[in-house]
Amino acid sequence: MLEMLVFSLLLLPAEPSKPCVIAKIHQKTGADKWRWTVPRPFEYVEGEFPAAAKFRHEISDKNVREIKQNGGRFVVLQDSYTLDELKDAGLQCARQEQ
């Protein structure tokens, strides 16, 4: 009987994690200095967008509000981030889910 209970608990779906987007601040360099349009302030690095929010490589303030309104999290890195800073951002996303 105990084995059936343990087995049934393993079949229960895990609580879905909240989507979290990690982005860096957009730094204008090279050809971006000559663009006719204004670049958006953030660039996507990694993470998952909420289902209701459309994926974007360049993220505007409006997109950040959309991510947060749909239950997502948003973490910002500096333009020249290191691997350790990226790992810390991933840990921030994990902590925010709890």
N, C-alpha and C. Protein backbone atom coordinates (compact mmCIF):
# COMPACT_ATOMS: atom_id res chain seq x y z
N MET A 1 0.82 -1.20 0.00
CA MET A 1 0.00 0.00 0.00
C MET A 1 0.87 1.26 0.00
N LEU A 2 1.92 1.24 0.81
CA LEU A 2 2.82 2.38 0.88
C LEU A 2 3.51 2.61 -0.47
N GLU A 3 3.84 1.51 -1.16
CA GLU A 3 4.48 1.64 -2.46
C GLU A 3 3.56 2.31 -3.47
N MET A 4 2.27 2.02 -3.40
CA MET A 4 1.31 2.65 -4.31
C MET A 4 1.20 4.14 -4.02
N LEU A 5 1.24 4.51 -2.75
CA LEU A 5 1.15 5.92 -2.38
C LEU A 5 2.37 6.68 -2.90
N VAL A 6 3.54 6.11 -2.69
CA VAL A 6 4.77 6.75 -3.18
C VAL A 6 4.74 6.86 -4.70
N PHE A 7 4.32 5.81 -5.37
CA PHE A 7 4.25 5.81 -6.83
C PHE A 7 3.26 6.87 -7.32
N SER A 8 2.11 7.00 -6.66
CA SER A 8 1.12 8.00 -7.08
C SER A 8 1.61 9.41 -6.83
N LEU A 9 2.40 9.63 -5.78
CA LEU A 9 2.97 10.96 -5.55
C LEU A 9 3.98 11.32 -6.62
N LEU A 10 4.69 10.34 -7.12
CA LEU A 10 5.65 10.61 -8.19
C LEU A 10 4.96 10.98 -9.49
N LEU A 11 3.74 10.53 -9.67
CA LEU A 11 3.01 10.82 -10.91
C LEU A 11 2.35 12.19 -10.89
N LEU A 12 2.23 12.80 -9.70
CA LEU A 12 1.60 14.11 -9.62
C LEU A 12 2.46 15.12 -10.38
N PRO A 13 1.83 16.01 -11.13
CA PRO A 13 2.62 16.99 -11.85
C PRO A 13 3.28 17.96 -10.88
N ALA A 14 4.51 18.30 -11.17
CA ALA A 14 5.22 19.26 -10.33
C ALA A 14 4.62 20.64 -10.54
N GLU A 15 4.73 21.47 -9.52
CA GLU A 15 4.22 22.83 -9.65
C GLU A 15 5.04 23.55 -10.71
N PRO A 16 4.38 24.15 -11.70
CA PRO A 16 5.14 24.80 -12.77
C PRO A 16 5.94 25.98 -12.23
N SER A 17 7.17 26.12 -12.70
CA SER A 17 7.99 27.23 -12.25
C SER A 17 7.56 28.51 -12.98
N LYS A 18 7.77 29.63 -12.31
CA LYS A 18 7.41 30.90 -12.92
C LYS A 18 8.46 31.24 -13.98
N PRO A 19 8.02 31.72 -15.13
CA PRO A 19 8.97 32.09 -16.18
C PRO A 19 9.86 33.25 -15.70
N CYS A 20 11.10 33.23 -16.12
CA CYS A 20 12.05 34.27 -15.73
C CYS A 20 12.91 34.60 -16.94
N VAL A 21 13.00 35.89 -17.25
CA VAL A 21 13.79 36.35 -18.39
C VAL A 21 15.02 37.08 -17.86
N ILE A 22 16.18 36.70 -18.36
CA ILE A 22 17.43 37.39 -18.02
C ILE A 22 17.84 38.18 -19.25
N ALA A 23 18.08 39.47 -19.05
CA ALA A 23 18.45 40.35 -20.16
C ALA A 23 19.64 41.21 -19.75
N LYS A 24 20.33 41.74 -20.76
CA LYS A 24 21.43 42.67 -20.48
C LYS A 24 21.06 44.04 -21.02
N ILE A 25 21.71 45.05 -20.47
CA ILE A 25 21.49 46.41 -20.94
C ILE A 25 22.09 46.53 -22.34
N HIS A 26 21.33 47.12 -23.26
CA HIS A 26 21.78 47.27 -24.65
C HIS A 26 22.80 48.38 -24.74
N GLN A 27 23.98 48.08 -25.25
CA GLN A 27 25.03 49.06 -25.44
C GLN A 27 25.15 49.36 -26.93
N LYS A 28 25.02 50.62 -27.31
CA LYS A 28 25.11 50.99 -28.72
C LYS A 28 26.56 50.92 -29.17
N THR A 29 26.83 50.03 -30.13
CA THR A 29 28.17 49.91 -30.70
C THR A 29 28.07 49.69 -32.19
N GLY A 30 29.11 50.04 -32.90
CA GLY A 30 29.18 49.76 -34.34
C GLY A 30 27.99 50.27 -35.13
N ALA A 31 27.34 49.35 -35.83
CA ALA A 31 26.23 49.71 -36.72
C ALA A 31 25.03 50.25 -35.95
N ASP A 32 24.89 49.87 -34.65
CA ASP A 32 23.76 50.38 -33.86
C ASP A 32 23.79 51.90 -33.73
N LYS A 33 24.98 52.48 -33.79
CA LYS A 33 25.08 53.94 -33.67
C LYS A 33 24.46 54.64 -34.87
N TRP A 34 24.31 53.92 -35.99
CA TRP A 34 23.80 54.51 -37.21
C TRP A 34 22.40 54.04 -37.58
N ARG A 35 21.75 53.31 -36.65
CA ARG A 35 20.38 52.83 -36.94
C ARG A 35 19.40 54.00 -37.03
N TRP A 36 18.44 53.85 -37.89
CA TRP A 36 17.40 54.88 -38.01
C TRP A 36 16.42 54.80 -36.87
N THR A 37 16.22 53.60 -36.35
CA THR A 37 15.30 53.42 -35.23
C THR A 37 16.09 53.37 -33.93
N VAL A 38 15.43 53.72 -32.85
CA VAL A 38 16.07 53.69 -31.54
C VAL A 38 16.06 52.25 -31.03
N PRO A 39 17.22 51.70 -30.65
CA PRO A 39 17.23 50.33 -30.14
C PRO A 39 16.55 50.24 -28.78
N ARG A 40 15.98 49.10 -28.51
CA ARG A 40 15.32 48.90 -27.22
C ARG A 40 16.37 48.78 -26.13
N PRO A 41 16.01 49.13 -24.88
CA PRO A 41 17.02 49.22 -23.83
C PRO A 41 17.61 47.89 -23.35
N PHE A 42 16.95 46.75 -23.61
CA PHE A 42 17.45 45.47 -23.11
C PHE A 42 17.57 44.45 -24.24
N GLU A 43 18.55 43.53 -24.11
CA GLU A 43 18.72 42.42 -25.04
C GLU A 43 18.54 41.12 -24.29
N TYR A 44 17.80 40.18 -24.87
CA TYR A 44 17.56 38.88 -24.27
C TYR A 44 18.87 38.10 -24.14
N VAL A 45 19.06 37.46 -22.97
CA VAL A 45 20.24 36.61 -22.76
C VAL A 45 19.79 35.16 -22.62
N GLU A 46 18.93 34.88 -21.66
CA GLU A 46 18.39 33.53 -21.52
C GLU A 46 17.16 33.57 -20.64
N GLY A 47 16.47 32.45 -20.56
CA GLY A 47 15.28 32.35 -19.73
C GLY A 47 14.05 32.03 -20.56
N GLU A 48 12.94 32.03 -19.87
CA GLU A 48 11.68 31.63 -20.49
C GLU A 48 10.66 32.75 -20.35
N PHE A 49 10.03 33.09 -21.47
CA PHE A 49 8.97 34.10 -21.46
C PHE A 49 7.67 33.46 -20.98
N PRO A 50 6.78 34.23 -20.33
CA PRO A 50 5.46 33.68 -20.01
C PRO A 50 4.72 33.31 -21.29
N ALA A 51 3.77 32.40 -21.16
CA ALA A 51 3.05 31.91 -22.35
C ALA A 51 2.32 33.04 -23.07
N ALA A 52 1.80 34.01 -22.33
CA ALA A 52 1.02 35.09 -22.94
C ALA A 52 1.90 36.19 -23.54
N ALA A 53 3.20 36.18 -23.23
CA ALA A 53 4.10 37.21 -23.74
C ALA A 53 4.86 36.68 -24.96
N LYS A 54 4.96 37.50 -25.98
CA LYS A 54 5.65 37.10 -27.20
C LYS A 54 7.16 37.24 -27.01
N PHE A 55 7.92 36.25 -27.52
CA PHE A 55 9.38 36.31 -27.42
C PHE A 55 9.92 37.48 -28.23
N ARG A 56 10.86 38.19 -27.65
CA ARG A 56 11.53 39.28 -28.34
C ARG A 56 13.01 39.25 -27.99
N HIS A 57 13.86 39.46 -28.99
CA HIS A 57 15.30 39.52 -28.74
C HIS A 57 15.67 40.86 -28.11
N GLU A 58 15.10 41.93 -28.63
CA GLU A 58 15.27 43.26 -28.05
C GLU A 58 14.01 43.55 -27.23
N ILE A 59 14.20 43.92 -25.98
CA ILE A 59 13.08 44.05 -25.04
C ILE A 59 12.94 45.51 -24.62
N SER A 60 11.73 46.04 -24.76
CA SER A 60 11.45 47.42 -24.36
C SER A 60 10.84 47.44 -22.96
N ASP A 61 10.68 48.63 -22.42
CA ASP A 61 10.04 48.77 -21.11
C ASP A 61 8.62 48.21 -21.13
N LYS A 62 7.93 48.42 -22.24
CA LYS A 62 6.58 47.88 -22.38
C LYS A 62 6.59 46.35 -22.31
N ASN A 63 7.59 45.72 -22.94
CA ASN A 63 7.71 44.26 -22.90
C ASN A 63 7.99 43.78 -21.48
N VAL A 64 8.80 44.53 -20.73
CA VAL A 64 9.09 44.18 -19.33
C VAL A 64 7.81 44.19 -18.52
N ARG A 65 6.99 45.23 -18.70
CA ARG A 65 5.69 45.30 -17.99
C ARG A 65 4.80 44.12 -18.37
N GLU A 66 4.80 43.76 -19.66
CA GLU A 66 4.00 42.63 -20.14
C GLU A 66 4.46 41.32 -19.50
N ILE A 67 5.77 41.13 -19.39
CA ILE A 67 6.31 39.92 -18.76
C ILE A 67 5.88 39.84 -17.31
N LYS A 68 5.99 40.96 -16.59
CA LYS A 68 5.63 40.97 -15.17
C LYS A 68 4.12 40.82 -14.96
N GLN A 69 3.32 41.42 -15.82
CA GLN A 69 1.86 41.29 -15.69
C GLN A 69 1.39 39.87 -15.94
N ASN A 70 2.14 39.11 -16.72
CA ASN A 70 1.77 37.72 -17.00
C ASN A 70 2.44 36.74 -16.06
N GLY A 71 2.94 37.23 -14.93
CA GLY A 71 3.49 36.35 -13.91
C GLY A 71 4.94 36.00 -14.05
N GLY A 72 5.65 36.65 -14.95
CA GLY A 72 7.06 36.36 -15.16
C GLY A 72 7.96 37.23 -14.30
N ARG A 73 9.21 36.88 -14.27
CA ARG A 73 10.23 37.64 -13.55
C ARG A 73 11.20 38.21 -14.57
N PHE A 74 11.89 39.30 -14.19
CA PHE A 74 12.82 39.95 -15.11
C PHE A 74 14.07 40.34 -14.34
N VAL A 75 15.23 39.86 -14.79
CA VAL A 75 16.52 40.15 -14.15
C VAL A 75 17.41 40.84 -15.18
N VAL A 76 18.08 41.92 -14.77
CA VAL A 76 18.90 42.71 -15.68
C VAL A 76 20.38 42.55 -15.33
N LEU A 77 21.20 42.33 -16.35
CA LEU A 77 22.65 42.27 -16.21
C LEU A 77 23.28 43.49 -16.88
N GLN A 78 24.50 43.81 -16.50
CA GLN A 78 25.25 44.86 -17.18
C GLN A 78 25.62 44.36 -18.58
N ASP A 79 26.01 45.29 -19.44
CA ASP A 79 26.34 44.95 -20.82
C ASP A 79 27.49 43.95 -20.91
N SER A 80 28.52 44.14 -20.13
CA SER A 80 29.68 43.25 -20.17
C SER A 80 29.65 42.33 -18.94
N TYR A 81 28.70 41.41 -18.92
CA TYR A 81 28.54 40.52 -17.77
C TYR A 81 29.50 39.34 -17.88
N THR A 82 29.77 38.73 -16.71
CA THR A 82 30.64 37.54 -16.67
C THR A 82 29.78 36.30 -16.49
N LEU A 83 30.39 35.15 -16.63
CA LEU A 83 29.67 33.90 -16.45
C LEU A 83 29.15 33.77 -15.01
N ASP A 84 29.94 34.24 -14.04
CA ASP A 84 29.49 34.20 -12.64
C ASP A 84 28.27 35.07 -12.42
N GLU A 85 28.24 36.24 -13.06
CA GLU A 85 27.06 37.11 -12.93
C GLU A 85 25.84 36.47 -13.57
N LEU A 86 26.03 35.76 -14.68
CA LEU A 86 24.92 35.06 -15.32
C LEU A 86 24.40 33.94 -14.42
N LYS A 87 25.31 33.21 -13.78
CA LYS A 87 24.89 32.16 -12.85
C LYS A 87 24.14 32.76 -11.67
N ASP A 88 24.61 33.91 -11.16
CA ASP A 88 23.91 34.58 -10.05
C ASP A 88 22.51 35.02 -10.47
N ALA A 89 22.37 35.49 -11.71
CA ALA A 89 21.05 35.89 -12.22
C ALA A 89 20.12 34.68 -12.28
N GLY A 90 20.66 33.52 -12.70
CA GLY A 90 19.87 32.29 -12.71
C GLY A 90 19.43 31.90 -11.30
N LEU A 91 20.31 32.09 -10.33
CA LEU A 91 19.95 31.80 -8.93
C LEU A 91 18.90 32.78 -8.43
N GLN A 92 18.97 34.04 -8.86
CA GLN A 92 17.94 35.01 -8.48
C GLN A 92 16.58 34.58 -9.00
N CYS A 93 16.56 34.07 -10.21
CA CYS A 93 15.30 33.58 -10.78
C CYS A 93 14.76 32.42 -9.95
N ALA A 94 15.65 31.51 -9.56
CA ALA A 94 15.23 30.35 -8.78
C ALA A 94 14.72 30.78 -7.40
N ARG A 95 15.38 31.77 -6.79
CA ARG A 95 14.95 32.25 -5.46
C ARG A 95 13.61 32.95 -5.55
N GLN A 96 13.36 33.68 -6.61
CA GLN A 96 12.11 34.42 -6.76
C GLN A 96 10.93 33.48 -6.93
N GLU A 97 11.20 32.27 -7.41
CA GLU A 97 10.11 31.30 -7.63
C GLU A 97 9.57 30.77 -6.32
N GLN A 98 10.39 30.78 -5.27
CA GLN A 98 9.97 30.19 -4.00
C GLN A 98 9.04 31.06 -3.22
